[in-house]
Amino acid sequence: MYSVLCPEKLGNKLNFTSNAERVRDVRRTLRPLREVWLKMGLEKLESHEGVAVKALLDSRATGLFMDTTFAKEKGFRMEKMKRPLLVKNVDGSENIGGAITHQVECNMFFKGHVERVQMDVCNLGKMEVILGMPWLAAHNPEIDWEKGEVKMTRCPPICGRGK
């Protein structure tokens, strides 16, 4: 949607000496969408208990991440990693929560899409889950940035599709 302001509709507020000076000002009025969130389900492997989650799609993130507090509160089984991974924030600073020392393995469900994932557990602040570039590249979802809608139409063969 565009908003068009024509000089003649502004009355005598603009002074033009000739028609050549008349300018049509086109201003973008579409509110830009900066984030896309998925409402999805995670299933604990041990108990098969389902947990609803809001996951942020983030092409700047280098993996799949689950917030430490969220993982503990929801009772996900956290596996200790052999080697800790240093966590850097988008601005290059070290994450206040320190290195990644644990992972969670779970099943993920979204609009008929099913897969088993491993998420690194770290401090995400207010976010519960982040799906980063490796996930986005593997699944190549169709994203409507204006509506914030995601369709899983190009998944790799290893992904299960519920019918």
Protein backbone atom coordinates (compact mmCIF):
# COMPACT_ATOMS: atom_id res chain seq x y z
CA MET A 1 0.00 0.00 0.00
CA TYR A 2 1.36 3.40 -0.94
CA SER A 3 0.30 6.88 0.08
CA VAL A 4 0.44 9.42 -2.73
CA LEU A 5 0.53 13.12 -1.91
CA CYS A 6 -0.20 15.38 -4.85
CA PRO A 7 0.82 19.06 -4.60
CA GLU A 8 -2.64 20.25 -5.69
CA LYS A 9 -4.17 18.55 -2.66
CA LEU A 10 -1.88 20.51 -0.35
CA GLY A 11 -3.47 23.82 -1.35
CA ASN A 12 -1.24 26.86 -1.45
CA LYS A 13 1.25 25.43 1.03
CA LEU A 14 3.69 24.69 -1.78
CA ASN A 15 4.78 27.36 -4.21
CA PHE A 16 5.61 26.10 -7.70
CA THR A 17 6.71 28.48 -10.43
CA SER A 18 6.02 25.98 -13.22
CA ASN A 19 4.44 22.60 -13.87
CA ALA A 20 7.93 21.18 -14.25
CA GLU A 21 8.48 21.78 -10.55
CA ARG A 22 5.41 19.83 -9.53
CA VAL A 23 6.48 16.77 -7.66
CA ARG A 24 4.53 13.75 -6.72
CA ASP A 25 5.73 12.42 -3.38
CA VAL A 26 5.31 8.70 -2.94
CA ARG A 27 5.85 7.52 0.58
CA ARG A 28 5.96 3.94 1.66
CA THR A 29 3.31 3.33 4.31
CA LEU A 30 3.74 -0.41 4.69
CA ARG A 31 4.89 -1.22 8.20
CA PRO A 32 8.07 -3.26 7.78
CA LEU A 33 8.13 -6.70 9.37
CA ARG A 34 11.43 -7.28 11.09
CA GLU A 35 10.77 -10.60 12.80
CA VAL A 36 8.99 -13.82 11.93
CA TRP A 37 7.88 -16.05 14.79
CA LEU A 38 6.62 -19.63 14.52
CA LYS A 39 4.16 -21.11 16.98
CA MET A 40 5.27 -24.71 17.12
CA GLY A 41 5.38 -27.78 19.29
CA LEU A 42 8.35 -29.52 20.84
CA GLU A 43 8.13 -33.08 22.13
CA LYS A 44 10.36 -34.43 24.89
CA LEU A 45 11.87 -37.73 23.77
CA GLU A 46 11.67 -39.44 27.17
CA SER A 47 8.08 -38.65 28.17
CA HIS A 48 6.60 -37.70 24.76
CA GLU A 49 5.15 -34.64 26.53
CA GLY A 50 4.40 -31.77 24.18
CA VAL A 51 5.44 -28.18 24.85
CA ALA A 52 4.15 -25.16 22.92
CA VAL A 53 6.85 -22.66 21.97
CA LYS A 54 7.37 -19.45 20.01
CA ALA A 55 10.47 -19.75 17.84
CA LEU A 56 12.19 -16.82 16.17
CA LEU A 57 13.51 -17.29 12.63
CA ASP A 58 16.91 -15.58 12.59
CA SER A 59 19.17 -15.76 9.54
CA ARG A 60 22.03 -14.23 11.57
CA ALA A 61 22.03 -17.09 14.09
CA THR A 62 24.53 -19.87 13.40
CA GLY A 63 22.51 -22.75 14.85
CA LEU A 64 19.37 -23.86 16.67
CA PHE A 65 19.10 -22.54 20.22
CA MET A 66 16.89 -23.04 23.27
CA ASP A 67 16.89 -20.70 26.25
CA THR A 68 18.42 -22.18 29.42
CA THR A 69 15.61 -21.00 31.71
CA PHE A 70 12.93 -22.25 29.30
CA ALA A 71 14.62 -25.67 29.03
CA LYS A 72 14.82 -26.05 32.81
CA GLU A 73 11.29 -24.78 33.51
CA LYS A 74 9.76 -27.10 30.91
CA GLY A 75 11.81 -30.08 32.08
CA PHE A 76 13.79 -30.83 28.91
CA ARG A 77 16.63 -33.31 29.38
CA MET A 78 19.88 -31.42 28.85
CA GLU A 79 22.89 -33.40 27.67
CA LYS A 80 26.35 -32.13 28.62
CA MET A 81 28.53 -31.42 25.58
CA LYS A 82 32.06 -32.79 25.28
CA ARG A 83 33.45 -29.30 24.69
CA PRO A 84 31.87 -25.96 25.57
CA LEU A 85 31.15 -23.52 22.73
CA LEU A 86 31.80 -19.82 23.10
CA VAL A 87 28.67 -17.75 22.48
CA LYS A 88 28.85 -14.39 20.73
CA ASN A 89 25.93 -11.99 20.50
CA VAL A 90 24.97 -10.23 17.27
CA ASP A 91 27.08 -7.22 18.27
CA GLY A 92 30.16 -9.43 18.76
CA SER A 93 30.12 -9.30 22.57
CA GLU A 94 30.25 -12.48 24.65
CA ASN A 95 26.89 -13.78 25.86
CA ILE A 96 26.22 -12.98 29.51
CA GLY A 97 25.18 -16.60 30.09
CA GLY A 98 28.66 -17.85 29.19
CA ALA A 99 29.60 -20.74 26.96
CA ILE A 100 27.18 -23.36 25.65
CA THR A 101 27.70 -26.50 27.72
CA HIS A 102 24.46 -28.44 27.07
CA GLN A 103 22.19 -29.51 24.22
CA VAL A 104 18.57 -30.62 24.07
CA GLU A 105 17.32 -33.22 21.61
CA CYS A 106 13.61 -33.16 20.85
CA ASN A 107 11.01 -33.59 18.13
CA MET A 108 9.75 -30.40 16.51
CA PHE A 109 6.28 -30.01 14.93
CA PHE A 110 5.10 -27.16 12.72
CA LYS A 111 2.13 -27.28 10.29
CA GLY A 112 2.62 -30.94 9.36
CA HIS A 113 6.41 -30.66 9.41
CA VAL A 114 8.07 -33.08 11.81
CA GLU A 115 11.76 -33.50 12.58
CA ARG A 116 14.16 -34.44 15.34
CA VAL A 117 16.46 -31.56 16.26
CA GLN A 118 19.37 -30.83 18.56
CA MET A 119 19.37 -27.35 20.07
CA ASP A 120 22.23 -25.67 21.87
CA VAL A 121 21.10 -24.40 25.28
CA CYS A 122 22.14 -20.84 26.16
CA ASN A 123 20.86 -17.55 27.54
CA LEU A 124 18.39 -16.11 24.98
CA GLY A 125 16.83 -13.48 27.22
CA LYS A 126 13.12 -13.19 26.40
CA MET A 127 13.24 -15.69 23.53
CA GLU A 128 12.47 -19.38 24.00
CA VAL A 129 13.85 -20.85 20.77
CA ILE A 130 15.82 -19.49 17.82
CA LEU A 131 15.97 -21.30 14.48
CA GLY A 132 19.04 -20.01 12.68
CA MET A 133 20.60 -20.15 9.24
CA PRO A 134 21.48 -23.87 9.21
CA TRP A 135 17.80 -24.72 9.73
CA LEU A 136 16.62 -22.08 7.26
CA ALA A 137 19.09 -23.27 4.60
CA ALA A 138 18.18 -26.94 5.09
CA HIS A 139 14.41 -26.36 4.83
CA ASN A 140 14.27 -23.27 2.60
CA PRO A 141 10.79 -22.32 3.86
CA GLU A 142 8.52 -19.99 1.90
CA ILE A 143 8.32 -16.83 4.02
CA ASP A 144 5.75 -14.09 3.45
CA TRP A 145 7.49 -11.20 5.21
CA GLU A 146 4.45 -8.91 4.97
CA LYS A 147 2.08 -11.37 6.68
CA GLY A 148 4.66 -13.18 8.81
CA GLU A 149 3.53 -16.53 7.39
CA VAL A 150 5.79 -19.53 6.83
CA LYS A 151 5.09 -22.55 4.61
CA MET A 152 7.19 -25.69 4.75
CA THR A 153 6.92 -26.68 1.07
CA ARG A 154 10.58 -27.37 0.26
CA CYS A 155 11.77 -29.60 3.10
CA PRO A 156 14.50 -32.17 2.52
CA PRO A 157 13.39 -35.82 2.22
CA ILE A 158 14.50 -36.64 5.79
CA CYS A 159 11.72 -34.47 7.24
CA GLY A 160 8.48 -36.19 8.08
CA ARG A 161 5.29 -34.66 6.78
CA GLY A 162 2.06 -35.34 8.65
CA LYS A 163 -0.83 -36.09 6.32
